[in-house]
Amino acid sequence: MEFSILQIDHVQVAAPAGREEETRRFYAEILGMLEIEKPEALKGRGGAWFGFGGQQLHVGVEEPFSPAKKAHPAFRVTGYDELKIYLSENGLELKEDDSIPGVERFFIFDPFGNRLEFLK
């Protein structure tokens, strides 16, 4: 083979149209991701982009909207236990999962119903 995949550049989740402020509040203010400016040619499509740890998460507008309840991005984090407390204090319901031996993880849903995974 003359090619190889190097890394994931970004992952995209969907949101309903007109919910950008809620998107920013959740991903930037609650999860602490840094909003990054979308290219001018894409701004008219709505949504928002966020950066963290050299990676990007794009929240794109999708109509008709249907949340990703199974497919999901997974984030490895520091301060795992502190994050669980923080998210609970911010009204998010955590679903812990111990189905993989030796792996500590939990799931939450963003304001639009998209599933997100966090790993220790």
C-alpha atoms as a PDB file:
ATOM      1  CA  MET A   1       0.000   0.000   0.000  1.00  0.00           C
ATOM      2  CA  GLU A   2       1.170   3.477  -0.824  1.00  0.00           C
ATOM      3  CA  PHE A   3      -0.910   5.284   1.798  1.00  0.00           C
ATOM      4  CA  SER A   4      -1.674   5.240   5.496  1.00  0.00           C
ATOM      5  CA  ILE A   5      -4.207   6.953   7.721  1.00  0.00           C
ATOM      6  CA  LEU A   6      -2.353   9.217  10.147  1.00  0.00           C
ATOM      7  CA  GLN A   7      -4.970  10.343  12.646  1.00  0.00           C
ATOM      8  CA  ILE A   8      -8.495  11.600  13.069  1.00  0.00           C
ATOM      9  CA  ASP A   9      -8.672  15.292  12.175  1.00  0.00           C
ATOM     10  CA  HIS A  10     -12.136  15.897  13.601  1.00  0.00           C
ATOM     11  CA  VAL A  11     -15.380  14.246  14.593  1.00  0.00           C
ATOM     12  CA  GLN A  12     -18.765  15.773  13.867  1.00  0.00           C
ATOM     13  CA  VAL A  13     -21.988  15.515  15.815  1.00  0.00           C
ATOM     14  CA  ALA A  14     -25.260  17.065  14.711  1.00  0.00           C
ATOM     15  CA  ALA A  15     -27.567  19.657  16.226  1.00  0.00           C
ATOM     16  CA  PRO A  16     -30.862  21.213  15.154  1.00  0.00           C
ATOM     17  CA  ALA A  17     -30.798  24.539  13.309  1.00  0.00           C
ATOM     18  CA  GLY A  18     -30.709  27.719  15.388  1.00  0.00           C
ATOM     19  CA  ARG A  19     -29.240  26.159  18.543  1.00  0.00           C
ATOM     20  CA  GLU A  20     -25.702  27.556  18.302  1.00  0.00           C
ATOM     21  CA  GLU A  21     -25.832  29.414  21.632  1.00  0.00           C
ATOM     22  CA  GLU A  22     -26.873  26.241  23.435  1.00  0.00           C
ATOM     23  CA  THR A  23     -24.093  24.417  21.578  1.00  0.00           C
ATOM     24  CA  ARG A  24     -21.515  26.958  22.765  1.00  0.00           C
ATOM     25  CA  ARG A  25     -22.776  26.896  26.325  1.00  0.00           C
ATOM     26  CA  PHE A  26     -22.514  23.115  26.539  1.00  0.00           C
ATOM     27  CA  TYR A  27     -19.294  22.390  24.651  1.00  0.00           C
ATOM     28  CA  ALA A  28     -17.316  25.521  25.601  1.00  0.00           C
ATOM     29  CA  GLU A  29     -18.677  26.589  28.978  1.00  0.00           C
ATOM     30  CA  ILE A  30     -19.548  23.211  30.497  1.00  0.00           C
ATOM     31  CA  LEU A  31     -17.046  20.865  28.817  1.00  0.00           C
ATOM     32  CA  GLY A  32     -14.296  23.489  28.535  1.00  0.00           C
ATOM     33  CA  MET A  33     -13.554  23.102  24.829  1.00  0.00           C
ATOM     34  CA  LEU A  34     -12.217  26.130  22.990  1.00  0.00           C
ATOM     35  CA  GLU A  35     -14.415  27.424  20.187  1.00  0.00           C
ATOM     36  CA  ILE A  36     -12.446  27.778  16.975  1.00  0.00           C
ATOM     37  CA  GLU A  37     -13.515  29.940  14.066  1.00  0.00           C
ATOM     38  CA  LYS A  38     -15.137  28.172  11.165  1.00  0.00           C
ATOM     39  CA  PRO A  39     -13.857  28.975   7.672  1.00  0.00           C
ATOM     40  CA  GLU A  40     -15.752  31.880   6.132  1.00  0.00           C
ATOM     41  CA  ALA A  41     -17.195  29.654   3.399  1.00  0.00           C
ATOM     42  CA  LEU A  42     -18.832  27.401   6.033  1.00  0.00           C
ATOM     43  CA  LYS A  43     -20.184  29.969   8.508  1.00  0.00           C
ATOM     44  CA  GLY A  44     -23.516  30.248   6.705  1.00  0.00           C
ATOM     45  CA  ARG A  45     -24.257  26.590   7.416  1.00  0.00           C
ATOM     46  CA  GLY A  46     -24.574  27.212  11.154  1.00  0.00           C
ATOM     47  CA  GLY A  47     -23.128  25.052  13.899  1.00  0.00           C
ATOM     48  CA  ALA A  48     -19.845  25.579  15.717  1.00  0.00           C
ATOM     49  CA  TRP A  49     -16.361  24.060  15.898  1.00  0.00           C
ATOM     50  CA  PHE A  50     -14.376  23.319  19.048  1.00  0.00           C
ATOM     51  CA  GLY A  51     -10.786  22.336  19.756  1.00  0.00           C
ATOM     52  CA  PHE A  52      -9.244  20.315  22.592  1.00  0.00           C
ATOM     53  CA  GLY A  53      -5.973  18.422  22.992  1.00  0.00           C
ATOM     54  CA  GLY A  54      -4.958  18.870  19.348  1.00  0.00           C
ATOM     55  CA  GLN A  55      -8.295  17.474  18.125  1.00  0.00           C
ATOM     56  CA  GLN A  56     -11.503  19.057  16.892  1.00  0.00           C
ATOM     57  CA  LEU A  57     -15.198  18.458  17.433  1.00  0.00           C
ATOM     58  CA  HIS A  58     -17.535  19.975  14.856  1.00  0.00           C
ATOM     59  CA  VAL A  59     -21.192  20.474  15.697  1.00  0.00           C
ATOM     60  CA  GLY A  60     -23.026  20.715  12.401  1.00  0.00           C
ATOM     61  CA  VAL A  61     -26.620  21.600  11.646  1.00  0.00           C
ATOM     62  CA  GLU A  62     -28.680  18.719  10.342  1.00  0.00           C
ATOM     63  CA  GLU A  63     -32.300  18.982   9.204  1.00  0.00           C
ATOM     64  CA  PRO A  64     -34.260  16.970   9.794  1.00  0.00           C
ATOM     65  CA  PHE A  65     -32.347  16.427  13.016  1.00  0.00           C
ATOM     66  CA  SER A  66     -31.973  13.041  14.648  1.00  0.00           C
ATOM     67  CA  PRO A  67     -29.607  12.626  17.630  1.00  0.00           C
ATOM     68  CA  ALA A  68     -26.845  10.016  17.612  1.00  0.00           C
ATOM     69  CA  LYS A  69     -27.939   7.791  20.482  1.00  0.00           C
ATOM     70  CA  LYS A  70     -25.521   4.932  19.723  1.00  0.00           C
ATOM     71  CA  ALA A  71     -22.720   6.336  17.538  1.00  0.00           C
ATOM     72  CA  HIS A  72     -20.576   8.686  19.620  1.00  0.00           C
ATOM     73  CA  PRO A  73     -17.192  10.312  20.159  1.00  0.00           C
ATOM     74  CA  ALA A  74     -15.209   9.106  23.177  1.00  0.00           C
ATOM     75  CA  PHE A  75     -12.974  11.473  25.148  1.00  0.00           C
ATOM     76  CA  ARG A  76     -10.112  10.324  27.365  1.00  0.00           C
ATOM     77  CA  VAL A  77      -9.846  12.805  30.246  1.00  0.00           C
ATOM     78  CA  THR A  78      -7.758  13.776  33.238  1.00  0.00           C
ATOM     79  CA  GLY A  79      -9.583  14.445  36.488  1.00  0.00           C
ATOM     80  CA  TYR A  80     -12.102  11.718  35.683  1.00  0.00           C
ATOM     81  CA  ASP A  81     -13.734  11.636  39.128  1.00  0.00           C
ATOM     82  CA  GLU A  82     -13.820  15.431  39.353  1.00  0.00           C
ATOM     83  CA  LEU A  83     -15.445  15.586  35.914  1.00  0.00           C
ATOM     84  CA  LYS A  84     -18.194  13.201  37.024  1.00  0.00           C
ATOM     85  CA  ILE A  85     -18.976  15.403  40.021  1.00  0.00           C
ATOM     86  CA  TYR A  86     -18.825  18.590  37.936  1.00  0.00           C
ATOM     87  CA  LEU A  87     -21.162  17.246  35.252  1.00  0.00           C
ATOM     88  CA  SER A  88     -23.619  15.980  37.866  1.00  0.00           C
ATOM     89  CA  GLU A  89     -23.583  19.386  39.559  1.00  0.00           C
ATOM     90  CA  ASN A  90     -24.416  20.909  36.162  1.00  0.00           C
ATOM     91  CA  GLY A  91     -27.525  18.774  35.866  1.00  0.00           C
ATOM     92  CA  LEU A  92     -26.232  16.080  33.541  1.00  0.00           C
ATOM     93  CA  GLU A  93     -27.232  12.474  34.077  1.00  0.00           C
ATOM     94  CA  LEU A  94     -24.251  10.108  33.930  1.00  0.00           C
ATOM     95  CA  LYS A  95     -24.570   6.492  32.905  1.00  0.00           C
ATOM     96  CA  GLU A  96     -21.578   4.528  34.157  1.00  0.00           C
ATOM     97  CA  ASP A  97     -20.589   1.442  32.197  1.00  0.00           C
ATOM     98  CA  ASP A  98     -18.362  -1.374  33.445  1.00  0.00           C
ATOM     99  CA  SER A  99     -18.918  -3.778  30.557  1.00  0.00           C
ATOM    100  CA  ILE A 100     -15.241  -3.666  29.482  1.00  0.00           C
ATOM    101  CA  PRO A 101     -12.955  -5.120  32.181  1.00  0.00           C
ATOM    102  CA  GLY A 102     -10.368  -2.593  33.373  1.00  0.00           C
ATOM    103  CA  VAL A 103     -11.984   0.366  31.605  1.00  0.00           C
ATOM    104  CA  GLU A 104     -13.639   3.137  33.616  1.00  0.00           C
ATOM    105  CA  ARG A 105     -16.090   5.083  31.509  1.00  0.00           C
ATOM    106  CA  PHE A 106     -19.417   6.845  31.527  1.00  0.00           C
ATOM    107  CA  PHE A 107     -21.819   8.327  29.040  1.00  0.00           C
ATOM    108  CA  ILE A 108     -23.821  11.541  28.947  1.00  0.00           C
ATOM    109  CA  PHE A 109     -26.043  13.144  26.341  1.00  0.00           C
ATOM    110  CA  ASP A 110     -25.527  16.648  25.003  1.00  0.00           C
ATOM    111  CA  PRO A 111     -28.511  19.060  24.970  1.00  0.00           C
ATOM    112  CA  PHE A 112     -29.616  17.616  21.629  1.00  0.00           C
ATOM    113  CA  GLY A 113     -29.539  13.946  22.655  1.00  0.00           C
ATOM    114  CA  ASN A 114     -26.164  12.999  21.163  1.00  0.00           C
ATOM    115  CA  ARG A 115     -24.299  10.363  23.177  1.00  0.00           C
ATOM    116  CA  LEU A 116     -20.816  11.273  24.473  1.00  0.00           C
ATOM    117  CA  GLU A 117     -18.379   8.912  26.209  1.00  0.00           C
ATOM    118  CA  PHE A 118     -15.693   9.843  28.751  1.00  0.00           C
ATOM    119  CA  LEU A 119     -12.882   7.467  29.750  1.00  0.00           C
ATOM    120  CA  LYS A 120     -10.392   7.527  32.609  1.00  0.00           C
END
